[in-house]
């Protein structure tokens, strides 16, 4: 498999993991890091970009939540969305620093759209959160944190 296909695959998995598809972007990143065939910085950048853009899709879905909320493919169930909206109302945009979390993180990105968080601040905070997760994962995988 050529380099571009590998990076595109990582991007797609990370993108999907942030939206409606069950995907384990962490496992893909760890596998590629262990293989040692690509720059860890490049891998973290590609995974982060895919995951952040997937979160932007959630934000956009949140903006149109009334049209999409009851659709089978909508990435967040009504209870999770209500809970995340409550967190968001309580903690504001800073709650987006938890957007990396496997439970509730995607709901927070949808809630940010529902509550009309400006895209610019959304992207900055989500990029910090999601990139930090991948940096910590890469550091742990490569033994930097040992």
N, C-alpha and C. Protein backbone atom coordinates (compact mmCIF):
# COMPACT_ATOMS: atom_id res chain seq x y z
N UNK A 1 0.86 -1.18 0.00
CA UNK A 1 0.00 0.00 0.00
C UNK A 1 0.90 1.24 0.00
N UNK A 2 0.58 2.19 -0.82
CA UNK A 2 1.44 3.38 -0.89
C UNK A 2 1.13 4.36 0.24
N UNK A 3 2.07 5.28 0.44
CA UNK A 3 1.97 6.23 1.56
C UNK A 3 0.68 7.05 1.54
N UNK A 4 0.31 7.52 0.37
CA UNK A 4 -0.90 8.35 0.28
C UNK A 4 -2.14 7.56 0.69
N UNK A 5 -2.22 6.32 0.28
CA UNK A 5 -3.37 5.48 0.64
C UNK A 5 -3.41 5.23 2.14
N UNK A 6 -2.26 5.01 2.74
CA UNK A 6 -2.20 4.78 4.19
C UNK A 6 -2.65 6.03 4.94
N UNK A 7 -2.15 7.18 4.53
CA UNK A 7 -2.53 8.43 5.20
C UNK A 7 -4.00 8.75 4.96
N UNK A 8 -4.49 8.49 3.75
CA UNK A 8 -5.92 8.72 3.46
C UNK A 8 -6.79 7.79 4.31
N UNK A 9 -6.33 6.56 4.50
CA UNK A 9 -7.07 5.63 5.35
C UNK A 9 -7.13 6.10 6.79
N UNK A 10 -6.01 6.57 7.30
CA UNK A 10 -5.97 7.09 8.67
C UNK A 10 -6.90 8.30 8.80
N UNK A 11 -6.84 9.20 7.82
CA UNK A 11 -7.72 10.37 7.82
C UNK A 11 -9.18 9.92 7.84
N UNK A 12 -9.54 8.97 6.98
CA UNK A 12 -10.93 8.51 6.89
C UNK A 12 -11.40 7.87 8.19
N UNK A 13 -10.55 7.06 8.81
CA UNK A 13 -10.92 6.42 10.07
C UNK A 13 -11.11 7.48 11.16
N UNK A 14 -10.20 8.44 11.23
CA UNK A 14 -10.30 9.49 12.25
C UNK A 14 -11.52 10.37 12.00
N UNK A 15 -11.80 10.67 10.74
CA UNK A 15 -12.99 11.45 10.40
C UNK A 15 -14.24 10.70 10.82
N UNK A 16 -14.33 9.44 10.41
CA UNK A 16 -15.50 8.63 10.73
C UNK A 16 -15.70 8.46 12.22
N UNK A 17 -14.60 8.31 12.96
CA UNK A 17 -14.71 8.11 14.41
C UNK A 17 -15.33 9.32 15.10
N UNK A 18 -15.21 10.48 14.50
CA UNK A 18 -15.78 11.70 15.10
C UNK A 18 -17.22 11.94 14.65
N UNK A 19 -17.70 11.15 13.70
CA UNK A 19 -19.05 11.36 13.19
C UNK A 19 -19.93 10.16 13.52
N UNK A 20 -20.59 9.60 12.54
CA UNK A 20 -21.60 8.57 12.78
C UNK A 20 -21.09 7.14 12.68
N UNK A 21 -19.85 6.95 12.30
CA UNK A 21 -19.33 5.61 12.08
C UNK A 21 -18.58 5.10 13.30
N UNK A 22 -18.86 3.85 13.67
CA UNK A 22 -18.08 3.28 14.77
C UNK A 22 -16.68 2.96 14.24
N UNK A 23 -15.69 3.68 14.70
CA UNK A 23 -14.33 3.47 14.23
C UNK A 23 -13.37 3.74 15.38
N UNK A 24 -12.27 3.06 15.37
CA UNK A 24 -11.26 3.21 16.40
C UNK A 24 -10.02 3.86 15.80
N UNK A 25 -10.03 5.17 15.74
CA UNK A 25 -8.91 5.88 15.16
C UNK A 25 -7.65 5.69 16.00
N UNK A 26 -7.81 5.52 17.30
CA UNK A 26 -6.65 5.31 18.16
C UNK A 26 -5.92 4.02 17.78
N UNK A 27 -6.66 2.96 17.51
CA UNK A 27 -6.03 1.69 17.13
C UNK A 27 -5.28 1.83 15.80
N UNK A 28 -5.88 2.54 14.87
CA UNK A 28 -5.21 2.75 13.58
C UNK A 28 -3.93 3.55 13.76
N UNK A 29 -3.99 4.60 14.56
CA UNK A 29 -2.81 5.43 14.79
C UNK A 29 -1.71 4.62 15.48
N UNK A 30 -2.07 3.88 16.51
CA UNK A 30 -1.08 3.06 17.23
C UNK A 30 -0.44 2.04 16.29
N UNK A 31 -1.25 1.40 15.46
CA UNK A 31 -0.72 0.43 14.50
C UNK A 31 0.31 1.04 13.57
N UNK A 32 0.00 2.22 13.07
CA UNK A 32 0.93 2.89 12.16
C UNK A 32 2.18 3.38 12.89
N UNK A 33 2.01 3.83 14.12
CA UNK A 33 3.17 4.26 14.90
C UNK A 33 4.10 3.09 15.18
N UNK A 34 3.52 1.95 15.54
CA UNK A 34 4.31 0.75 15.84
C UNK A 34 5.03 0.26 14.58
N UNK A 35 4.35 0.37 13.44
CA UNK A 35 4.98 -0.05 12.18
C UNK A 35 6.23 0.77 11.89
N UNK A 36 6.24 2.01 12.31
CA UNK A 36 7.42 2.85 12.18
C UNK A 36 7.78 3.27 10.77
N UNK A 37 6.82 3.22 9.87
CA UNK A 37 7.10 3.56 8.48
C UNK A 37 6.79 5.01 8.12
N UNK A 38 6.17 5.73 9.05
CA UNK A 38 5.79 7.12 8.79
C UNK A 38 6.19 7.99 9.97
N UNK A 39 6.38 9.24 9.71
CA UNK A 39 6.71 10.20 10.75
C UNK A 39 5.57 10.27 11.76
N UNK A 40 5.88 10.14 13.06
CA UNK A 40 4.82 10.28 14.07
C UNK A 40 4.13 11.64 14.00
N UNK A 41 4.87 12.69 13.70
CA UNK A 41 4.27 14.03 13.60
C UNK A 41 3.26 14.06 12.46
N UNK A 42 3.61 13.47 11.33
CA UNK A 42 2.69 13.42 10.19
C UNK A 42 1.44 12.61 10.54
N UNK A 43 1.63 11.47 11.18
CA UNK A 43 0.48 10.63 11.54
C UNK A 43 -0.45 11.35 12.51
N UNK A 44 0.11 12.00 13.52
CA UNK A 44 -0.71 12.75 14.48
C UNK A 44 -1.44 13.89 13.76
N UNK A 45 -0.76 14.57 12.86
CA UNK A 45 -1.39 15.67 12.12
C UNK A 45 -2.55 15.18 11.26
N UNK A 46 -2.36 14.07 10.56
CA UNK A 46 -3.41 13.54 9.68
C UNK A 46 -4.61 13.07 10.51
N UNK A 47 -4.34 12.32 11.59
CA UNK A 47 -5.43 11.85 12.45
C UNK A 47 -6.18 13.03 13.07
N UNK A 48 -5.45 14.04 13.52
CA UNK A 48 -6.07 15.21 14.13
C UNK A 48 -6.95 15.96 13.13
N UNK A 49 -6.43 16.16 11.93
CA UNK A 49 -7.20 16.86 10.91
C UNK A 49 -8.49 16.11 10.59
N UNK A 50 -8.40 14.82 10.40
CA UNK A 50 -9.60 14.02 10.11
C UNK A 50 -10.61 14.09 11.25
N UNK A 51 -10.13 13.96 12.48
CA UNK A 51 -11.02 13.96 13.63
C UNK A 51 -11.66 15.32 13.85
N UNK A 52 -10.91 16.39 13.66
CA UNK A 52 -11.46 17.74 13.81
C UNK A 52 -12.51 18.01 12.72
N UNK A 53 -12.22 17.63 11.49
CA UNK A 53 -13.20 17.85 10.42
C UNK A 53 -14.46 17.02 10.65
N UNK A 54 -14.32 15.82 11.20
CA UNK A 54 -15.50 15.04 11.57
C UNK A 54 -16.32 15.74 12.63
N UNK A 55 -15.64 16.38 13.59
CA UNK A 55 -16.34 17.14 14.62
C UNK A 55 -17.07 18.34 14.02
N UNK A 56 -16.49 18.94 12.99
CA UNK A 56 -17.15 20.06 12.31
C UNK A 56 -18.45 19.58 11.66
N UNK A 57 -18.45 18.37 11.14
CA UNK A 57 -19.69 17.80 10.60
C UNK A 57 -20.73 17.71 11.71
N UNK A 58 -20.33 17.24 12.89
CA UNK A 58 -21.26 17.17 14.02
C UNK A 58 -21.79 18.56 14.39
N UNK A 59 -20.89 19.54 14.42
CA UNK A 59 -21.29 20.93 14.71
C UNK A 59 -22.36 21.38 13.71
N UNK A 60 -22.13 21.09 12.42
CA UNK A 60 -23.09 21.48 11.38
C UNK A 60 -24.42 20.74 11.56
N UNK A 61 -24.36 19.47 11.93
CA UNK A 61 -25.60 18.72 12.20
C UNK A 61 -26.34 19.34 13.38
N UNK A 62 -25.59 19.78 14.38
CA UNK A 62 -26.21 20.43 15.53
C UNK A 62 -26.92 21.71 15.14
N UNK A 63 -26.35 22.42 14.19
CA UNK A 63 -26.99 23.66 13.70
C UNK A 63 -28.36 23.36 13.10
N UNK A 64 -28.51 22.18 12.52
CA UNK A 64 -29.78 21.79 11.91
C UNK A 64 -30.47 20.69 12.67
N UNK A 65 -30.26 20.65 13.98
CA UNK A 65 -30.71 19.54 14.81
C UNK A 65 -32.21 19.24 14.68
N UNK A 66 -33.01 20.24 14.55
CA UNK A 66 -34.45 19.99 14.48
C UNK A 66 -34.83 19.19 13.23
N UNK A 67 -34.07 19.37 12.18
CA UNK A 67 -34.35 18.61 10.96
C UNK A 67 -33.82 17.19 11.04
N UNK A 68 -32.73 16.98 11.81
CA UNK A 68 -32.03 15.70 11.77
C UNK A 68 -32.16 14.85 13.03
N UNK A 69 -32.57 15.43 14.11
CA UNK A 69 -32.52 14.79 15.43
C UNK A 69 -33.12 13.38 15.48
N UNK A 70 -34.21 13.16 14.80
CA UNK A 70 -34.88 11.86 14.88
C UNK A 70 -34.46 10.88 13.78
N UNK A 71 -33.47 11.26 13.00
CA UNK A 71 -32.99 10.37 11.95
C UNK A 71 -32.16 9.24 12.55
N UNK A 72 -32.30 8.08 11.97
CA UNK A 72 -31.58 6.90 12.47
C UNK A 72 -30.06 7.10 12.44
N UNK A 73 -29.57 7.81 11.45
CA UNK A 73 -28.12 7.99 11.28
C UNK A 73 -27.53 9.11 12.12
N UNK A 74 -28.38 9.90 12.79
CA UNK A 74 -27.88 11.03 13.58
C UNK A 74 -26.90 10.51 14.62
N UNK A 75 -25.73 11.15 14.76
CA UNK A 75 -24.65 10.57 15.56
C UNK A 75 -24.85 10.54 17.07
N UNK A 76 -25.86 11.21 17.58
CA UNK A 76 -26.05 11.30 19.03
C UNK A 76 -27.51 11.06 19.36
N UNK A 77 -27.76 10.19 20.33
CA UNK A 77 -29.12 9.93 20.77
C UNK A 77 -29.70 11.11 21.53
N UNK A 78 -31.02 11.19 21.63
CA UNK A 78 -31.66 12.33 22.30
C UNK A 78 -31.19 12.53 23.74
N UNK A 79 -31.05 11.45 24.50
CA UNK A 79 -30.63 11.59 25.91
C UNK A 79 -29.20 12.12 26.00
N UNK A 80 -28.32 11.59 25.18
CA UNK A 80 -26.93 12.05 25.19
C UNK A 80 -26.84 13.50 24.75
N UNK A 81 -27.64 13.88 23.76
CA UNK A 81 -27.63 15.26 23.29
C UNK A 81 -28.14 16.21 24.38
N UNK A 82 -29.21 15.81 25.07
CA UNK A 82 -29.74 16.64 26.16
C UNK A 82 -28.71 16.80 27.28
N UNK A 83 -28.03 15.71 27.63
CA UNK A 83 -27.00 15.75 28.68
C UNK A 83 -25.85 16.67 28.26
N UNK A 84 -25.38 16.50 27.02
CA UNK A 84 -24.28 17.33 26.52
C UNK A 84 -24.67 18.79 26.42
N UNK A 85 -25.91 19.05 26.03
CA UNK A 85 -26.38 20.43 25.96
C UNK A 85 -26.39 21.06 27.35
N UNK A 86 -26.76 20.26 28.35
CA UNK A 86 -26.73 20.74 29.73
C UNK A 86 -25.32 21.07 30.18
N UNK A 87 -24.35 20.19 29.88
CA UNK A 87 -22.95 20.46 30.20
C UNK A 87 -22.49 21.73 29.50
N UNK A 88 -22.88 21.84 28.24
CA UNK A 88 -22.44 22.98 27.45
C UNK A 88 -23.00 24.27 28.01
N UNK A 89 -24.25 24.23 28.41
CA UNK A 89 -24.85 25.43 29.01
C UNK A 89 -24.16 25.79 30.32
N UNK A 90 -23.78 24.77 31.09
CA UNK A 90 -23.13 25.01 32.39
C UNK A 90 -21.70 25.50 32.22
N UNK A 91 -20.91 24.84 31.37
CA UNK A 91 -19.48 25.12 31.27
C UNK A 91 -19.11 25.95 30.05
N UNK A 92 -20.04 26.17 29.13
CA UNK A 92 -19.77 26.97 27.95
C UNK A 92 -18.80 26.31 26.98
N UNK A 93 -18.17 27.13 26.19
CA UNK A 93 -17.30 26.62 25.13
C UNK A 93 -16.13 25.81 25.68
N UNK A 94 -15.76 26.03 26.94
CA UNK A 94 -14.63 25.30 27.52
C UNK A 94 -14.90 23.82 27.64
N UNK A 95 -16.18 23.44 27.63
CA UNK A 95 -16.51 22.01 27.66
C UNK A 95 -16.00 21.30 26.41
N UNK A 96 -15.74 22.06 25.35
CA UNK A 96 -15.22 21.45 24.12
C UNK A 96 -13.82 20.86 24.31
N UNK A 97 -13.14 21.25 25.37
CA UNK A 97 -11.85 20.63 25.66
C UNK A 97 -12.00 19.16 26.06
N UNK A 98 -13.25 18.72 26.27
CA UNK A 98 -13.55 17.31 26.52
C UNK A 98 -14.06 16.60 25.27
N UNK A 99 -13.99 17.25 24.13
CA UNK A 99 -14.51 16.65 22.89
C UNK A 99 -13.73 15.42 22.47
N UNK A 100 -12.56 15.20 23.03
CA UNK A 100 -11.75 14.01 22.74
C UNK A 100 -12.31 12.76 23.41
N UNK A 101 -13.12 12.94 24.45
CA UNK A 101 -13.57 11.82 25.28
C UNK A 101 -14.41 10.83 24.48
N UNK A 102 -14.17 9.53 24.70
CA UNK A 102 -14.92 8.51 23.95
C UNK A 102 -16.41 8.49 24.30
N UNK A 103 -16.75 8.89 25.52
CA UNK A 103 -18.16 8.94 25.91
C UNK A 103 -18.51 10.40 26.14
N UNK A 104 -19.42 10.91 25.34
CA UNK A 104 -19.89 12.29 25.49
C UNK A 104 -19.20 13.31 24.63
N UNK A 105 -18.02 13.00 24.12
CA UNK A 105 -17.27 13.96 23.32
C UNK A 105 -17.99 14.35 22.04
N UNK A 106 -18.51 13.36 21.31
CA UNK A 106 -19.23 13.67 20.07
C UNK A 106 -20.50 14.46 20.36
N UNK A 107 -21.16 14.12 21.45
CA UNK A 107 -22.38 14.84 21.82
C UNK A 107 -22.08 16.31 22.11
N UNK A 108 -20.92 16.57 22.72
CA UNK A 108 -20.54 17.97 22.97
C UNK A 108 -20.37 18.75 21.68
N UNK A 109 -19.82 18.10 20.65
CA UNK A 109 -19.62 18.81 19.38
C UNK A 109 -20.95 19.11 18.70
N UNK A 110 -21.91 18.21 18.86
CA UNK A 110 -23.25 18.48 18.32
C UNK A 110 -23.91 19.59 19.14
N UNK A 111 -23.79 19.51 20.47
CA UNK A 111 -24.39 20.53 21.34
C UNK A 111 -23.84 21.92 21.01
N UNK A 112 -22.55 21.99 20.68
CA UNK A 112 -21.96 23.28 20.32
C UNK A 112 -22.67 23.87 19.09
N UNK A 113 -23.03 23.03 18.15
CA UNK A 113 -23.79 23.50 16.99
C UNK A 113 -25.19 23.92 17.36
N UNK A 114 -25.83 23.12 18.20
CA UNK A 114 -27.20 23.43 18.65
C UNK A 114 -27.23 24.79 19.32
N UNK A 115 -26.21 25.06 20.16
CA UNK A 115 -26.19 26.30 20.93
C UNK A 115 -25.45 27.43 20.23
N UNK A 116 -25.17 27.22 18.94
CA UNK A 116 -24.64 28.27 18.06
C UNK A 116 -23.25 28.78 18.45
N UNK A 117 -22.39 27.88 18.89
CA UNK A 117 -21.00 28.26 19.13
C UNK A 117 -20.41 28.72 17.80
N UNK A 118 -19.71 29.84 17.77
CA UNK A 118 -19.08 30.27 16.51
C UNK A 118 -18.06 29.22 16.03
N UNK A 119 -18.04 29.01 14.73
CA UNK A 119 -17.17 27.97 14.16
C UNK A 119 -15.71 28.21 14.50
N UNK A 120 -15.27 29.46 14.52
CA UNK A 120 -13.85 29.74 14.77
C UNK A 120 -13.42 29.27 16.16
N UNK A 121 -14.15 29.61 17.20
CA UNK A 121 -13.77 29.16 18.55
C UNK A 121 -13.97 27.66 18.70
N UNK A 122 -14.98 27.12 18.04
CA UNK A 122 -15.21 25.68 18.05
C UNK A 122 -13.99 24.95 17.50
N UNK A 123 -13.51 25.37 16.35
CA UNK A 123 -12.39 24.69 15.71
C UNK A 123 -11.12 24.80 16.56
N UNK A 124 -10.87 25.95 17.14
CA UNK A 124 -9.67 26.11 17.97
C UNK A 124 -9.71 25.16 19.17
N UNK A 125 -10.80 25.14 19.91
CA UNK A 125 -10.87 24.31 21.11
C UNK A 125 -10.89 22.82 20.79
N UNK A 126 -11.62 22.44 19.76
CA UNK A 126 -11.68 21.02 19.38
C UNK A 126 -10.32 20.56 18.85
N UNK A 127 -9.63 21.42 18.12
CA UNK A 127 -8.30 21.06 17.62
C UNK A 127 -7.33 20.85 18.78
N UNK A 128 -7.38 21.71 19.77
CA UNK A 128 -6.52 21.54 20.96
C UNK A 128 -6.81 20.20 21.62
N UNK A 129 -8.08 19.91 21.86
CA UNK A 129 -8.47 18.69 22.58
C UNK A 129 -8.11 17.43 21.81
N UNK A 130 -8.48 17.39 20.56
CA UNK A 130 -8.28 16.16 19.79
C UNK A 130 -6.81 15.93 19.45
N UNK A 131 -6.08 16.99 19.18
CA UNK A 131 -4.66 16.84 18.89
C UNK A 131 -3.91 16.41 20.15
N UNK A 132 -4.26 16.99 21.28
CA UNK A 132 -3.61 16.60 22.54
C UNK A 132 -3.81 15.12 22.82
N UNK A 133 -5.00 14.61 22.56
CA UNK A 133 -5.25 13.17 22.77
C UNK A 133 -4.32 12.34 21.91
N UNK A 134 -4.18 12.69 20.63
CA UNK A 134 -3.32 11.91 19.74
C UNK A 134 -1.84 12.07 20.10
N UNK A 135 -1.44 13.25 20.55
CA UNK A 135 -0.04 13.46 20.97
C UNK A 135 0.27 12.58 22.18
N UNK A 136 -0.62 12.55 23.16
CA UNK A 136 -0.41 11.71 24.35
C UNK A 136 -0.38 10.24 23.95
N UNK A 137 -1.29 9.82 23.09
CA UNK A 137 -1.32 8.44 22.62
C UNK A 137 -0.03 8.08 21.88
N UNK A 138 0.44 8.97 21.02
CA UNK A 138 1.68 8.71 20.28
C UNK A 138 2.86 8.66 21.23
N UNK A 139 2.91 9.56 22.19
CA UNK A 139 4.02 9.57 23.15
C UNK A 139 4.03 8.28 23.98
N UNK A 140 2.86 7.84 24.40
CA UNK A 140 2.78 6.60 25.17
C UNK A 140 3.19 5.40 24.31
N UNK A 141 2.74 5.38 23.06
CA UNK A 141 3.06 4.27 22.16
C UNK A 141 4.56 4.21 21.87
N UNK A 142 5.17 5.34 21.70
CA UNK A 142 6.59 5.38 21.34
C UNK A 142 7.51 5.37 22.56
N UNK A 143 6.93 5.26 23.73
CA UNK A 143 7.72 5.15 24.95
C UNK A 143 8.26 6.46 25.47
N UNK A 144 7.76 7.55 24.97
CA UNK A 144 8.22 8.87 25.42
C UNK A 144 7.75 9.14 26.85
N UNK A 145 6.62 8.59 27.23
CA UNK A 145 6.07 8.82 28.56
C UNK A 145 6.51 7.77 29.58
N UNK A 146 7.37 6.84 29.17
CA UNK A 146 7.78 5.74 30.08
C UNK A 146 8.75 6.20 31.13
